[in-house]
Amino acid sequence: MRYLFAGLMLATVCFPSMAKEWFVVYGDPLQSQSDLIEIRPSFISTVDLPTVEVRVSRSVERNAYGGGKYRSHHSIAVIDCSNQAGWYTQMDFYGLPVWTGPVTQSRSFKVGHAPVAFAEIPGEADRLVRAACKLVK
């Protein structure tokens, strides 16, 4: 798996357009009105705990961590592979799906305070954690 990760990192250096690529964890990026969860493999860092960039677009308006409404968010999450858990540390919320329009609110959290979770999409938080952990090994 290390070779896969090294190959992804080399590809992002050699082909900068790949640095913008997103890995779909759940959903279909061609369906802008559906639920979608993505991570960007080129962003993964491994200082202490792995950190990954996450984008989520929801099919309906949701309640944001800490209050307020949103349809999509672009976030940074810290992943604890040994405990199979993740927490958001930074979240930018949008009122429209697929990260369009202005950021309506931005929040920062301490590790352990805002768990990676997707209400009404069972098992996908675990899947995101497993995918991120596979990419850093």
Protein backbone atom coordinates (compact mmCIF):
# COMPACT_ATOMS: atom_id res chain seq x y z
CA MET A 1 0.00 0.00 0.00
CA ARG A 2 2.96 2.32 0.59
CA TYR A 3 3.81 2.04 -3.08
CA LEU A 4 0.26 3.01 -4.05
CA PHE A 5 0.43 6.09 -1.84
CA ALA A 6 3.92 6.97 -3.12
CA GLY A 7 2.64 6.59 -6.67
CA LEU A 8 -0.29 8.91 -5.98
CA MET A 9 2.02 11.50 -4.48
CA LEU A 10 4.48 11.23 -7.39
CA ALA A 11 1.63 11.59 -9.86
CA THR A 12 0.45 14.80 -8.18
CA VAL A 13 3.98 16.25 -8.48
CA CYS A 14 4.44 15.15 -12.09
CA PHE A 15 0.87 15.92 -13.16
CA PRO A 16 -0.44 18.89 -11.18
CA SER A 17 -3.95 18.41 -12.57
CA MET A 18 -4.16 15.17 -10.54
CA ALA A 19 -3.71 17.21 -7.36
CA LYS A 20 -7.26 18.46 -7.93
CA GLU A 21 -8.70 14.95 -8.22
CA TRP A 22 -11.16 13.69 -5.63
CA PHE A 23 -11.83 10.09 -4.59
CA VAL A 24 -15.55 9.34 -4.27
CA VAL A 25 -16.33 7.57 -1.00
CA TYR A 26 -20.11 7.69 -1.50
CA GLY A 27 -22.48 8.91 -4.21
CA ASP A 28 -22.19 10.04 -7.81
CA PRO A 29 -20.47 13.36 -8.61
CA LEU A 30 -22.65 13.70 -11.73
CA GLN A 31 -25.79 13.85 -9.56
CA SER A 32 -25.53 17.29 -7.93
CA GLN A 33 -28.82 16.90 -6.04
CA SER A 34 -27.78 13.61 -4.36
CA ASP A 35 -25.62 12.87 -1.33
CA LEU A 36 -21.90 12.86 -2.15
CA ILE A 37 -18.82 12.26 0.02
CA GLU A 38 -15.29 12.75 -1.40
CA ILE A 39 -11.71 12.89 -0.13
CA ARG A 40 -8.68 14.31 -1.91
CA PRO A 41 -5.86 11.73 -1.71
CA SER A 42 -3.14 14.23 -2.59
CA PHE A 43 -3.91 16.25 0.54
CA ILE A 44 -3.34 13.44 3.03
CA SER A 45 -0.56 14.25 5.48
CA THR A 46 0.74 12.09 8.31
CA VAL A 47 2.02 14.48 10.95
CA ASP A 48 0.98 12.68 14.18
CA LEU A 49 -2.47 11.62 12.94
CA PRO A 50 -3.34 11.54 9.23
CA THR A 51 -5.18 14.61 7.97
CA VAL A 52 -7.45 14.49 4.95
CA GLU A 53 -9.46 16.99 2.95
CA VAL A 54 -13.17 16.09 2.77
CA ARG A 55 -16.04 17.42 0.65
CA VAL A 56 -19.66 16.56 1.40
CA SER A 57 -22.75 17.60 -0.54
CA ARG A 58 -26.17 16.66 0.81
CA SER A 59 -29.42 16.00 -1.04
CA VAL A 60 -31.38 18.13 1.44
CA GLU A 61 -30.59 20.97 3.81
CA ARG A 62 -28.90 19.77 7.02
CA ASN A 63 -28.06 21.20 10.46
CA ALA A 64 -24.40 22.17 10.75
CA TYR A 65 -22.15 21.34 13.69
CA GLY A 66 -22.64 24.21 16.09
CA GLY A 67 -25.91 25.37 14.48
CA GLY A 68 -27.07 26.81 11.21
CA LYS A 69 -28.12 25.18 7.96
CA TYR A 70 -26.04 23.95 5.02
CA ARG A 71 -26.23 21.88 1.83
CA SER A 72 -22.50 21.17 1.41
CA HIS A 73 -19.23 21.55 3.26
CA HIS A 74 -15.51 21.49 2.47
CA SER A 75 -13.57 20.32 5.50
CA ILE A 76 -10.33 19.10 7.04
CA ALA A 77 -10.52 15.93 9.15
CA VAL A 78 -7.99 14.23 11.40
CA ILE A 79 -8.08 10.45 11.25
CA ASP A 80 -7.08 8.08 14.06
CA CYS A 81 -6.41 4.82 12.20
CA SER A 82 -5.64 2.79 15.34
CA ASN A 83 -9.09 3.62 16.79
CA GLN A 84 -10.91 3.84 13.43
CA ALA A 85 -12.28 7.32 14.15
CA GLY A 86 -12.16 10.77 12.59
CA TRP A 87 -12.90 14.34 13.63
CA TYR A 88 -13.40 17.52 11.68
CA THR A 89 -11.00 20.30 12.63
CA GLN A 90 -12.09 22.91 10.05
CA MET A 91 -15.41 23.17 8.18
CA ASP A 92 -16.59 25.66 5.57
CA PHE A 93 -20.35 25.41 4.99
CA TYR A 94 -22.26 26.36 1.83
CA GLY A 95 -25.97 27.02 1.45
CA LEU A 96 -25.97 25.36 -1.97
CA PRO A 97 -25.01 21.82 -3.06
CA VAL A 98 -21.58 20.93 -4.49
CA TRP A 99 -19.69 23.81 -2.83
CA THR A 100 -21.24 26.58 -4.91
CA GLY A 101 -22.02 30.10 -3.84
CA PRO A 102 -20.44 31.85 -0.88
CA VAL A 103 -19.29 30.17 2.32
CA THR A 104 -22.16 30.79 4.75
CA GLN A 105 -20.21 29.88 7.88
CA SER A 106 -16.79 28.60 8.82
CA ARG A 107 -15.91 26.75 12.01
CA SER A 108 -12.81 25.30 13.68
CA PHE A 109 -12.87 22.44 16.18
CA LYS A 110 -10.39 20.72 18.47
CA VAL A 111 -9.61 17.07 17.72
CA GLY A 112 -12.26 14.93 19.39
CA HIS A 113 -15.04 17.55 19.36
CA ALA A 114 -16.70 17.20 15.92
CA PRO A 115 -16.78 13.53 14.85
CA VAL A 116 -16.83 12.63 11.17
CA ALA A 117 -20.42 11.48 10.78
CA PHE A 118 -23.03 11.49 8.04
CA ALA A 119 -26.56 11.44 9.44
CA GLU A 120 -28.86 9.17 7.46
CA ILE A 121 -25.96 7.62 5.50
CA PRO A 122 -25.06 4.68 7.78
CA GLY A 123 -21.55 3.26 7.66
CA GLU A 124 -20.06 5.95 5.43
CA ALA A 125 -18.05 7.65 8.19
CA ASP A 126 -16.38 4.30 8.86
CA ARG A 127 -15.80 3.86 5.13
CA LEU A 128 -14.16 7.30 4.86
CA VAL A 129 -11.86 6.50 7.81
CA ARG A 130 -10.89 3.13 6.29
CA ALA A 131 -10.20 4.73 2.88
CA ALA A 132 -8.00 7.44 4.41
CA CYS A 133 -6.09 4.87 6.50
CA LYS A 134 -5.48 2.68 3.44
CA LEU A 135 -4.06 5.63 1.53
CA VAL A 136 -1.53 6.50 4.24
CA LYS A 137 -0.18 2.94 4.72
